[in-house]
């Protein structure tokens, strides 16, 4: 599915990523863990094309996409839910969802009913402006917009940040449901350890732009990852 190998990225003279490798397989949730400032969001931006890399490769379904523009990566099947959601506050919920039509062929330009089955609140708010929604509702909208693109890879940057506990549970159930469909990979950046532990099939833990621990669900149940995230 997604295969990232030895990725390096700079912001000017500062190196944000140092030979980072990660995989995200169809039907699995891969979590990228770590404290603030270790390069997690930089990794996602490199994968979706928002930041140029200096070394390494990004491959999706066997195709090298490292040099593609962000919109071409979206057309290839990558959907990105950025940290902070970045919905359009002056557009309605319906209009926000319809911005997901951009990478789609004309015949596919409709919001899948499944979006409203996963997040029923969106259907009742279609004519409300995005800026009038609560933070949790905006997060659901951002994920719904991403799902409108029919992704093969869903990339989520800290979807629980600043969200009330009830919505965190809804988002967790949505991610579990999408994994269970078995037709997409999910790459999730998260600082909330319990949320990641309950969802992850595999994970990497980053420190100072490098991967320091990687493994599957069993390793995530141990104390090392929790201890490193608390340092």
Protein backbone atom coordinates (compact mmCIF):
# COMPACT_ATOMS: atom_id res chain seq x y z
CA UNK A 1 0.00 0.00 0.00
CA UNK A 2 2.03 2.99 1.30
CA UNK A 3 5.74 2.42 1.63
CA UNK A 4 7.98 5.25 2.88
CA UNK A 5 11.70 4.57 2.85
CA UNK A 6 14.54 6.58 4.41
CA UNK A 7 12.77 9.93 4.21
CA UNK A 8 14.75 13.07 5.00
CA UNK A 9 13.31 16.57 5.10
CA UNK A 10 14.76 20.00 5.92
CA UNK A 11 13.33 23.36 6.90
CA UNK A 12 16.18 25.56 5.77
CA UNK A 13 19.25 24.30 7.64
CA UNK A 14 17.20 22.42 10.24
CA UNK A 15 16.63 18.72 9.57
CA UNK A 16 13.11 17.64 10.54
CA UNK A 17 13.21 14.01 9.32
CA UNK A 18 16.21 11.69 9.44
CA UNK A 19 15.84 8.54 7.39
CA UNK A 20 12.27 7.77 8.44
CA UNK A 21 10.60 4.61 7.13
CA UNK A 22 6.99 3.54 7.65
CA UNK A 23 4.37 1.35 5.98
CA UNK A 24 0.58 1.61 5.97
CA UNK A 25 -1.19 -1.50 4.74
CA UNK A 26 -4.75 -1.89 3.49
CA UNK A 27 -7.08 -2.94 6.29
CA UNK A 28 -4.74 -1.71 9.03
CA UNK A 29 -4.21 1.37 11.19
CA UNK A 30 -0.60 2.52 11.43
CA UNK A 31 0.09 5.04 14.20
CA UNK A 32 2.90 7.59 14.28
CA UNK A 33 3.59 8.45 17.90
CA UNK A 34 5.80 10.91 19.73
CA UNK A 35 5.88 14.11 21.70
CA UNK A 36 5.46 17.58 20.19
CA UNK A 37 8.12 18.69 17.75
CA UNK A 38 9.60 15.29 16.87
CA UNK A 39 8.61 15.41 13.17
CA UNK A 40 5.28 13.57 13.07
CA UNK A 41 3.36 16.26 11.17
CA UNK A 42 6.39 16.86 8.92
CA UNK A 43 6.26 13.20 7.95
CA UNK A 44 2.61 13.47 6.95
CA UNK A 45 3.22 16.68 4.99
CA UNK A 46 6.01 14.92 3.10
CA UNK A 47 3.75 11.96 2.31
CA UNK A 48 0.88 14.10 0.98
CA UNK A 49 3.24 16.43 -0.92
CA UNK A 50 3.01 19.60 1.14
CA UNK A 51 6.76 19.59 1.86
CA UNK A 52 9.54 18.53 -0.54
CA UNK A 53 11.87 15.79 0.63
CA UNK A 54 15.65 15.82 0.24
CA UNK A 55 16.12 12.04 0.23
CA UNK A 56 14.14 8.83 0.32
CA UNK A 57 11.01 7.63 -1.45
CA UNK A 58 7.23 7.54 -1.08
CA UNK A 59 5.50 4.69 -2.90
CA UNK A 60 1.74 4.09 -3.14
CA UNK A 61 0.51 0.78 -4.53
CA UNK A 62 3.95 0.21 -6.04
CA UNK A 63 4.06 3.60 -7.76
CA UNK A 64 6.71 6.17 -6.85
CA UNK A 65 4.92 9.42 -5.96
CA UNK A 66 7.68 11.40 -4.23
CA UNK A 67 7.77 14.07 -6.91
CA UNK A 68 4.03 14.36 -7.56
CA UNK A 69 2.15 17.54 -6.67
CA UNK A 70 -0.34 17.30 -3.75
CA UNK A 71 -3.35 17.31 -6.10
CA UNK A 72 -1.90 14.44 -8.10
CA UNK A 73 -1.35 12.47 -4.90
CA UNK A 74 -5.00 13.15 -4.03
CA UNK A 75 -6.01 11.78 -7.42
CA UNK A 76 -3.88 8.73 -6.66
CA UNK A 77 -6.03 8.02 -3.62
CA UNK A 78 -4.49 9.90 -0.67
CA UNK A 79 -6.86 11.89 1.57
CA UNK A 80 -5.41 14.16 4.25
CA UNK A 81 -7.10 15.44 7.41
CA UNK A 82 -4.67 18.09 8.71
CA UNK A 83 -4.04 19.09 12.28
CA UNK A 84 -6.47 21.89 13.09
CA UNK A 85 -9.04 20.50 10.60
CA UNK A 86 -8.82 23.45 8.14
CA UNK A 87 -12.45 23.38 7.13
CA UNK A 88 -13.87 26.43 5.32
CA UNK A 89 -15.72 28.39 8.04
CA UNK A 90 -17.85 30.49 5.69
CA UNK A 91 -18.99 27.53 3.57
CA UNK A 92 -21.87 25.32 4.63
CA UNK A 93 -21.33 21.74 5.72
CA UNK A 94 -22.63 20.61 2.33
CA UNK A 95 -20.22 22.93 0.49
CA UNK A 96 -17.31 21.80 2.64
CA UNK A 97 -18.05 18.19 1.80
CA UNK A 98 -18.34 19.04 -1.89
CA UNK A 99 -14.79 20.45 -1.91
CA UNK A 100 -13.82 16.77 -1.76
CA UNK A 101 -15.07 16.43 -5.35
CA UNK A 102 -11.91 18.06 -6.75
CA UNK A 103 -9.91 14.85 -7.44
CA UNK A 104 -12.95 12.84 -8.57
CA UNK A 105 -14.31 11.97 -11.98
CA UNK A 106 -17.62 13.66 -12.79
CA UNK A 107 -19.65 10.48 -12.30
CA UNK A 108 -18.36 10.16 -8.71
CA UNK A 109 -19.12 13.73 -7.63
CA UNK A 110 -21.62 13.06 -4.88
CA UNK A 111 -21.19 12.68 -1.13
CA UNK A 112 -21.33 8.98 -0.24
CA UNK A 113 -24.26 8.14 2.06
CA UNK A 114 -21.75 6.28 4.19
CA UNK A 115 -20.34 9.63 5.37
CA UNK A 116 -23.67 10.39 7.04
CA UNK A 117 -23.93 6.88 8.44
CA UNK A 118 -20.56 7.30 10.12
CA UNK A 119 -21.22 10.88 11.28
CA UNK A 120 -25.04 11.35 11.43
CA UNK A 121 -24.71 14.87 12.87
CA UNK A 122 -23.42 16.12 9.51
CA UNK A 123 -26.66 15.27 7.72
CA UNK A 124 -28.67 17.37 10.15
CA UNK A 125 -26.33 20.33 9.68
CA UNK A 126 -25.86 20.41 5.91
CA UNK A 127 -26.98 24.03 5.60
CA UNK A 128 -25.07 25.36 8.60
CA UNK A 129 -21.78 27.18 8.11
CA UNK A 130 -18.69 25.21 9.03
CA UNK A 131 -17.54 27.95 11.37
CA UNK A 132 -20.70 27.55 13.47
CA UNK A 133 -19.93 23.93 14.32
CA UNK A 134 -18.20 22.84 17.52
CA UNK A 135 -14.59 21.68 17.33
CA UNK A 136 -15.65 18.05 17.45
CA UNK A 137 -18.23 18.54 14.72
CA UNK A 138 -15.64 20.31 12.57
CA UNK A 139 -13.32 17.34 13.01
CA UNK A 140 -16.08 15.01 11.85
CA UNK A 141 -16.65 17.31 8.88
CA UNK A 142 -12.95 17.26 7.99
CA UNK A 143 -12.92 13.46 8.05
CA UNK A 144 -16.17 13.35 6.07
CA UNK A 145 -14.66 15.63 3.45
CA UNK A 146 -11.66 13.31 3.17
CA UNK A 147 -13.92 10.27 2.78
CA UNK A 148 -15.82 12.02 0.00
CA UNK A 149 -12.68 11.63 -2.14
CA UNK A 150 -12.96 7.80 -1.88
CA UNK A 151 -9.40 7.40 -0.57
CA UNK A 152 -7.18 4.36 -0.70
CA UNK A 153 -5.07 5.91 2.06
CA UNK A 154 -6.55 8.08 4.83
CA UNK A 155 -3.98 10.28 6.59
CA UNK A 156 -5.07 11.79 9.92
CA UNK A 157 -3.02 14.31 11.89
CA UNK A 158 -4.02 14.28 15.58
CA UNK A 159 -7.80 13.94 15.11
CA UNK A 160 -8.39 13.94 18.89
CA UNK A 161 -6.64 17.25 19.58
CA UNK A 162 -8.94 19.61 21.50
CA UNK A 163 -11.96 17.32 21.05
CA UNK A 164 -14.48 16.42 23.76
CA UNK A 165 -14.40 12.78 24.97
CA UNK A 166 -17.74 11.80 23.42
CA UNK A 167 -16.56 12.87 19.95
CA UNK A 168 -13.21 11.12 20.48
CA UNK A 169 -15.17 7.89 20.95
CA UNK A 170 -17.15 8.59 17.76
CA UNK A 171 -13.94 9.18 15.81
CA UNK A 172 -12.40 6.01 17.22
CA UNK A 173 -15.47 4.00 16.17
CA UNK A 174 -15.30 5.57 12.70
CA UNK A 175 -11.63 4.61 12.27
CA UNK A 176 -12.35 1.06 13.43
CA UNK A 177 -15.24 0.82 10.96
CA UNK A 178 -13.11 2.11 8.06
CA UNK A 179 -10.35 -0.36 8.88
CA UNK A 180 -12.91 -3.13 8.94
CA UNK A 181 -14.02 -2.31 5.40
CA UNK A 182 -10.67 -3.67 4.28
CA UNK A 183 -10.24 -1.36 1.28
CA UNK A 184 -8.04 1.43 2.65
CA UNK A 185 -4.96 1.97 4.74
CA UNK A 186 -5.07 4.44 7.63
CA UNK A 187 -2.05 6.44 8.81
CA UNK A 188 -2.70 8.19 12.10
CA UNK A 189 -0.55 10.70 14.00
CA UNK A 190 -1.52 10.71 17.65
CA UNK A 191 -0.29 11.87 21.06
CA UNK A 192 -3.21 10.40 23.03
CA UNK A 193 -1.62 7.06 23.95
CA UNK A 194 -4.78 5.18 24.92
CA UNK A 195 -6.52 6.16 21.69
CA UNK A 196 -3.58 4.94 19.63
CA UNK A 197 -3.16 1.75 21.65
CA UNK A 198 -6.79 0.77 21.09
CA UNK A 199 -6.63 1.31 17.32
CA UNK A 200 -3.12 0.57 16.10
CA UNK A 201 -2.22 -2.58 14.21
CA UNK A 202 1.34 -1.32 13.90
CA UNK A 203 3.19 1.81 14.95
CA UNK A 204 6.36 3.86 14.86
CA UNK A 205 7.57 6.09 17.68
CA UNK A 206 9.61 9.14 16.71
CA UNK A 207 12.16 11.24 18.58
CA UNK A 208 14.13 14.12 17.06
CA UNK A 209 13.07 13.27 13.54
CA UNK A 210 13.99 9.59 13.76
CA UNK A 211 12.15 6.33 14.34
CA UNK A 212 13.35 4.93 17.69
CA UNK A 213 10.79 2.15 18.21
CA UNK A 214 8.58 0.30 15.73
CA UNK A 215 6.38 -2.73 16.00
CA UNK A 216 2.93 -4.23 16.18
CA UNK A 217 0.08 -4.12 18.65
CA UNK A 218 1.88 -6.38 21.16
CA UNK A 219 4.84 -4.00 21.48
CA UNK A 220 2.47 -1.08 21.95
CA UNK A 221 1.04 -2.81 25.02
CA UNK A 222 4.44 -2.64 26.74
CA UNK A 223 5.80 0.12 28.93
CA UNK A 224 8.60 1.40 26.67
CA UNK A 225 6.42 3.41 24.29
CA UNK A 226 4.38 4.99 27.09
CA UNK A 227 7.60 5.88 28.96
CA UNK A 228 9.21 7.46 25.91
CA UNK A 229 6.11 9.52 25.17
CA UNK A 230 6.13 10.81 28.75
CA UNK A 231 9.79 11.87 28.77
